[in-house]
Each structure stands twice: as C-alpha cells, then as structure tokens.
Amino acid sequence: MTDEHKTSLLTVRCPRCGRRAPYYGNPDRPFCSDRCRRIDLGAWADEDYRIPGPAAIDDEFADKSD
C-alpha cells in the first residue's frame, strides 16, 4: 500500500455528530459537512462554549460611556 493510498483512507470523527469523515480533501474538516460546521459556529456565536470561572472583565473597569 502506498503512502498516498494510506492518506486517502484517513478519516476522523466529526466533533459535532461523531460521523466518520475523510481527513484529506474535505473542505469542512474537521467536520463531516457544511451543516455540522455551521451548527458548531452557531454554538460559538451563542456562547455555548464557555470556560467556567469569574468574568474576564470586572464591572468596576467596564466602559461606562452611557
């Protein structure tokens, strides 16, 4: 088996749905499809992915240009 053939068979799991998707030649990598890529982007936009802890900006130092 050639190295080129091995790399063409490489697949990864989609982080959104878990389906196997080709690693090489996949414009939506690491996702399996445009749909999963957009769903994940929406989750970031809705701030579903957060690191627990105190707020990064203290209200005392927030911009108060009202």
C-alpha atoms as a PDB file:
ATOM      1  CA  MET A   1       0.000   0.000   0.000  1.00  0.00           C
ATOM      2  CA  THR A   2       1.482   3.366  -0.979  1.00  0.00           C
ATOM      3  CA  ASP A   3       1.676   6.363   1.357  1.00  0.00           C
ATOM      4  CA  GLU A   4      -0.675   8.266  -0.954  1.00  0.00           C
ATOM      5  CA  HIS A   5      -3.259   5.485  -0.689  1.00  0.00           C
ATOM      6  CA  LYS A   6      -2.931   5.382   3.122  1.00  0.00           C
ATOM      7  CA  THR A   7      -3.537   9.127   3.464  1.00  0.00           C
ATOM      8  CA  SER A   8      -6.564   8.980   1.187  1.00  0.00           C
ATOM      9  CA  LEU A   9      -8.134   6.461   3.589  1.00  0.00           C
ATOM     10  CA  LEU A  10      -7.551   8.529   6.735  1.00  0.00           C
ATOM     11  CA  THR A  11     -10.827   9.503   8.411  1.00  0.00           C
ATOM     12  CA  VAL A  12     -11.647  11.466  11.559  1.00  0.00           C
ATOM     13  CA  ARG A  13     -14.753  11.723  13.718  1.00  0.00           C
ATOM     14  CA  CYS A  14     -16.863  14.837  13.272  1.00  0.00           C
ATOM     15  CA  PRO A  15     -16.754  16.768  16.585  1.00  0.00           C
ATOM     16  CA  ARG A  16     -20.429  17.697  16.156  1.00  0.00           C
ATOM     17  CA  CYS A  17     -22.205  14.439  15.207  1.00  0.00           C
ATOM     18  CA  GLY A  18     -19.486  11.784  15.525  1.00  0.00           C
ATOM     19  CA  ARG A  19     -19.794  10.546  11.940  1.00  0.00           C
ATOM     20  CA  ARG A  20     -16.587   9.473  10.175  1.00  0.00           C
ATOM     21  CA  ALA A  21     -15.361  11.934   7.529  1.00  0.00           C
ATOM     22  CA  PRO A  22     -12.324  11.959   5.239  1.00  0.00           C
ATOM     23  CA  TYR A  23      -9.402  13.967   6.568  1.00  0.00           C
ATOM     24  CA  TYR A  24      -7.882  14.898   3.215  1.00  0.00           C
ATOM     25  CA  GLY A  25      -9.893  16.679   0.547  1.00  0.00           C
ATOM     26  CA  ASN A  26     -12.640  17.655   2.992  1.00  0.00           C
ATOM     27  CA  PRO A  27     -13.302  21.427   2.844  1.00  0.00           C
ATOM     28  CA  ASP A  28     -15.286  21.240   6.108  1.00  0.00           C
ATOM     29  CA  ARG A  29     -12.573  19.428   8.064  1.00  0.00           C
ATOM     30  CA  PRO A  30     -12.721  18.561  10.950  1.00  0.00           C
ATOM     31  CA  PHE A  31     -16.490  18.438  10.448  1.00  0.00           C
ATOM     32  CA  CYS A  32     -18.242  15.939   8.199  1.00  0.00           C
ATOM     33  CA  SER A  33     -20.372  18.529   6.405  1.00  0.00           C
ATOM     34  CA  ASP A  34     -21.175  22.193   5.983  1.00  0.00           C
ATOM     35  CA  ARG A  35     -24.233  21.640   8.188  1.00  0.00           C
ATOM     36  CA  CYS A  36     -22.186  20.418  11.174  1.00  0.00           C
ATOM     37  CA  ARG A  37     -19.658  23.223  10.647  1.00  0.00           C
ATOM     38  CA  ARG A  38     -22.419  25.852  10.717  1.00  0.00           C
ATOM     39  CA  ILE A  39     -24.119  24.329  13.765  1.00  0.00           C
ATOM     40  CA  ASP A  40     -20.807  24.478  15.632  1.00  0.00           C
ATOM     41  CA  LEU A  41     -20.240  28.081  14.539  1.00  0.00           C
ATOM     42  CA  GLY A  42     -23.720  28.957  15.839  1.00  0.00           C
ATOM     43  CA  ALA A  43     -22.884  27.355  19.183  1.00  0.00           C
ATOM     44  CA  TRP A  44     -19.805  29.596  19.443  1.00  0.00           C
ATOM     45  CA  ALA A  45     -21.873  32.653  18.498  1.00  0.00           C
ATOM     46  CA  ASP A  46     -24.472  31.785  21.153  1.00  0.00           C
ATOM     47  CA  GLU A  47     -21.629  31.414  23.680  1.00  0.00           C
ATOM     48  CA  ASP A  48     -22.497  27.775  24.371  1.00  0.00           C
ATOM     49  CA  TYR A  49     -18.771  27.050  24.748  1.00  0.00           C
ATOM     50  CA  ARG A  50     -17.541  28.829  27.866  1.00  0.00           C
ATOM     51  CA  ILE A  51     -14.774  28.295  30.338  1.00  0.00           C
ATOM     52  CA  PRO A  52     -16.174  28.337  33.882  1.00  0.00           C
ATOM     53  CA  GLY A  53     -14.780  30.956  36.186  1.00  0.00           C
ATOM     54  CA  PRO A  54     -15.089  34.597  37.132  1.00  0.00           C
ATOM     55  CA  ALA A  55     -15.924  37.177  34.488  1.00  0.00           C
ATOM     56  CA  ALA A  56     -12.932  38.306  32.434  1.00  0.00           C
ATOM     57  CA  ILE A  57     -13.841  41.992  32.848  1.00  0.00           C
ATOM     58  CA  ASP A  58     -14.738  43.352  36.245  1.00  0.00           C
ATOM     59  CA  ASP A  59     -17.767  45.669  36.238  1.00  0.00           C
ATOM     60  CA  GLU A  60     -15.664  48.300  38.015  1.00  0.00           C
ATOM     61  CA  PHE A  61     -13.451  48.634  34.933  1.00  0.00           C
ATOM     62  CA  ALA A  62     -16.133  48.222  32.283  1.00  0.00           C
ATOM     63  CA  ASP A  63     -16.634  51.071  29.795  1.00  0.00           C
ATOM     64  CA  LYS A  64     -19.268  53.381  31.254  1.00  0.00           C
ATOM     65  CA  SER A  65     -19.707  55.791  28.352  1.00  0.00           C
ATOM     66  CA  ASP A  66     -23.504  55.885  28.726  1.00  0.00           C
END
